Amino acid sequence: MKLKTIACEVFYREFCRAVADSTNTVDLQFTAKNAHDESDQLRQQIQTYIDETEDKYDAILLATDYAATERWVFMPEEFR
C-alpha cells in the first residue's frame, strides 16, 4: 500500500523506524512538537496537509497524542 502519515514531531523516531521496517510505502509529514498549544491552528494545519495530499495514496494515517481535548473531524474537501 501507498500511505501518507501525518504525525506529531514527538513521534519522529518511532515513525521513522516503523517506516524503515514496513513493507508498505509510507510518506511522513510532521507537525511541530508544540503545535497542540494552539489546537485550532493545529486542526487547520492538519486539514491543509490533507487537502494538499495528492490522490496517489491508498490512505492517510493521522497520529496524534491526546494533548488536545477537542474532538476533530478531518475529511477530504469533496466530502465536506
C-alpha atoms as a PDB file:
ATOM      1  CA  MET A   1       0.000   0.000   0.000  1.00  0.00           C
ATOM      2  CA  LYS A   2       0.991   3.620  -0.515  1.00  0.00           C
ATOM      3  CA  LEU A   3       0.300   5.537   2.702  1.00  0.00           C
ATOM      4  CA  LYS A   4       0.742   9.062   3.964  1.00  0.00           C
ATOM      5  CA  THR A   5       1.146   9.624   7.682  1.00  0.00           C
ATOM      6  CA  ILE A   6       0.646  12.981   9.361  1.00  0.00           C
ATOM      7  CA  ALA A   7       2.055  12.860  12.868  1.00  0.00           C
ATOM      8  CA  CYS A   8       3.302  14.999  15.705  1.00  0.00           C
ATOM      9  CA  GLU A   9       7.066  15.517  15.621  1.00  0.00           C
ATOM     10  CA  VAL A  10       7.193  13.913  19.086  1.00  0.00           C
ATOM     11  CA  PHE A  11       6.814  10.561  17.288  1.00  0.00           C
ATOM     12  CA  TYR A  12       9.580  11.249  14.730  1.00  0.00           C
ATOM     13  CA  ARG A  13      11.952   8.440  15.728  1.00  0.00           C
ATOM     14  CA  GLU A  14       9.196   5.889  16.241  1.00  0.00           C
ATOM     15  CA  PHE A  15       7.657   6.531  12.836  1.00  0.00           C
ATOM     16  CA  CYS A  16      10.971   6.605  11.006  1.00  0.00           C
ATOM     17  CA  ARG A  17      11.769   3.200  12.499  1.00  0.00           C
ATOM     18  CA  ALA A  18       8.325   1.811  11.682  1.00  0.00           C
ATOM     19  CA  VAL A  19       8.539   3.054   8.096  1.00  0.00           C
ATOM     20  CA  ALA A  20      12.006   1.551   7.678  1.00  0.00           C
ATOM     21  CA  ASP A  21      10.638  -1.839   8.754  1.00  0.00           C
ATOM     22  CA  SER A  22       7.381  -1.590   6.798  1.00  0.00           C
ATOM     23  CA  THR A  23       6.572  -3.472   3.621  1.00  0.00           C
ATOM     24  CA  ASN A  24       4.340  -0.534   2.636  1.00  0.00           C
ATOM     25  CA  THR A  25       5.463   2.710   1.059  1.00  0.00           C
ATOM     26  CA  VAL A  26       4.893   5.425   3.638  1.00  0.00           C
ATOM     27  CA  ASP A  27       5.451   9.156   3.254  1.00  0.00           C
ATOM     28  CA  LEU A  28       5.760  11.036   6.547  1.00  0.00           C
ATOM     29  CA  GLN A  29       4.754  14.603   7.326  1.00  0.00           C
ATOM     30  CA  PHE A  30       5.161  16.027  10.819  1.00  0.00           C
ATOM     31  CA  THR A  31       3.603  18.845  12.792  1.00  0.00           C
ATOM     32  CA  ALA A  32       5.672  20.824  15.299  1.00  0.00           C
ATOM     33  CA  LYS A  33       6.047  19.453  18.829  1.00  0.00           C
ATOM     34  CA  ASN A  34       4.323  22.445  20.384  1.00  0.00           C
ATOM     35  CA  ALA A  35       1.569  22.746  17.762  1.00  0.00           C
ATOM     36  CA  HIS A  36      -1.030  21.360  20.182  1.00  0.00           C
ATOM     37  CA  ASP A  37      -0.687  24.564  22.227  1.00  0.00           C
ATOM     38  CA  GLU A  38      -2.892  26.222  19.602  1.00  0.00           C
ATOM     39  CA  SER A  39      -5.386  23.481  18.849  1.00  0.00           C
ATOM     40  CA  ASP A  40      -7.422  25.469  16.307  1.00  0.00           C
ATOM     41  CA  GLN A  41      -4.295  26.244  14.302  1.00  0.00           C
ATOM     42  CA  LEU A  42      -3.159  22.621  14.525  1.00  0.00           C
ATOM     43  CA  ARG A  43      -6.535  21.404  13.283  1.00  0.00           C
ATOM     44  CA  GLN A  44      -6.338  23.820  10.359  1.00  0.00           C
ATOM     45  CA  GLN A  45      -2.771  22.762   9.596  1.00  0.00           C
ATOM     46  CA  ILE A  46      -3.682  19.071   9.554  1.00  0.00           C
ATOM     47  CA  GLN A  47      -6.698  19.741   7.341  1.00  0.00           C
ATOM     48  CA  THR A  48      -4.450  21.724   4.969  1.00  0.00           C
ATOM     49  CA  TYR A  49      -1.987  18.813   4.827  1.00  0.00           C
ATOM     50  CA  ILE A  50      -4.872  16.511   3.935  1.00  0.00           C
ATOM     51  CA  ASP A  51      -6.223  18.899   1.303  1.00  0.00           C
ATOM     52  CA  GLU A  52      -2.779  19.231  -0.297  1.00  0.00           C
ATOM     53  CA  THR A  53      -2.278  15.478  -0.450  1.00  0.00           C
ATOM     54  CA  GLU A  54      -2.239  14.032  -3.932  1.00  0.00           C
ATOM     55  CA  ASP A  55      -4.549  11.180  -4.903  1.00  0.00           C
ATOM     56  CA  LYS A  56      -1.655   8.731  -5.144  1.00  0.00           C
ATOM     57  CA  TYR A  57      -2.218   7.358  -1.622  1.00  0.00           C
ATOM     58  CA  ASP A  58      -4.398   4.438  -0.583  1.00  0.00           C
ATOM     59  CA  ALA A  59      -4.911   6.003   2.850  1.00  0.00           C
ATOM     60  CA  ILE A  60      -3.900   8.901   5.067  1.00  0.00           C
ATOM     61  CA  LEU A  61      -2.972   7.991   8.636  1.00  0.00           C
ATOM     62  CA  LEU A  62      -3.197  10.536  11.454  1.00  0.00           C
ATOM     63  CA  ALA A  63      -1.034  10.046  14.512  1.00  0.00           C
ATOM     64  CA  THR A  64      -1.621  12.445  17.355  1.00  0.00           C
ATOM     65  CA  ASP A  65      -1.370  12.284  21.085  1.00  0.00           C
ATOM     66  CA  TYR A  66      -4.239  13.241  23.334  1.00  0.00           C
ATOM     67  CA  ALA A  67      -2.903  16.703  24.161  1.00  0.00           C
ATOM     68  CA  ALA A  68      -5.886  18.398  22.563  1.00  0.00           C
ATOM     69  CA  THR A  69      -9.167  17.860  24.359  1.00  0.00           C
ATOM     70  CA  GLU A  70     -11.362  18.683  21.393  1.00  0.00           C
ATOM     71  CA  ARG A  71     -12.868  16.181  19.019  1.00  0.00           C
ATOM     72  CA  TRP A  72     -11.727  16.850  15.472  1.00  0.00           C
ATOM     73  CA  VAL A  73     -13.092  15.535  12.224  1.00  0.00           C
ATOM     74  CA  PHE A  74     -10.937  15.548   9.102  1.00  0.00           C
ATOM     75  CA  MET A  75     -12.093  14.667   5.638  1.00  0.00           C
ATOM     76  CA  PRO A  76     -11.304  15.371   2.013  1.00  0.00           C
ATOM     77  CA  GLU A  77     -12.708  18.615   0.707  1.00  0.00           C
ATOM     78  CA  GLU A  78     -15.172  16.911  -1.646  1.00  0.00           C
ATOM     79  CA  PHE A  79     -16.933  15.300   1.344  1.00  0.00           C
ATOM     80  CA  ARG A  80     -17.283  18.457   3.465  1.00  0.00           C
END
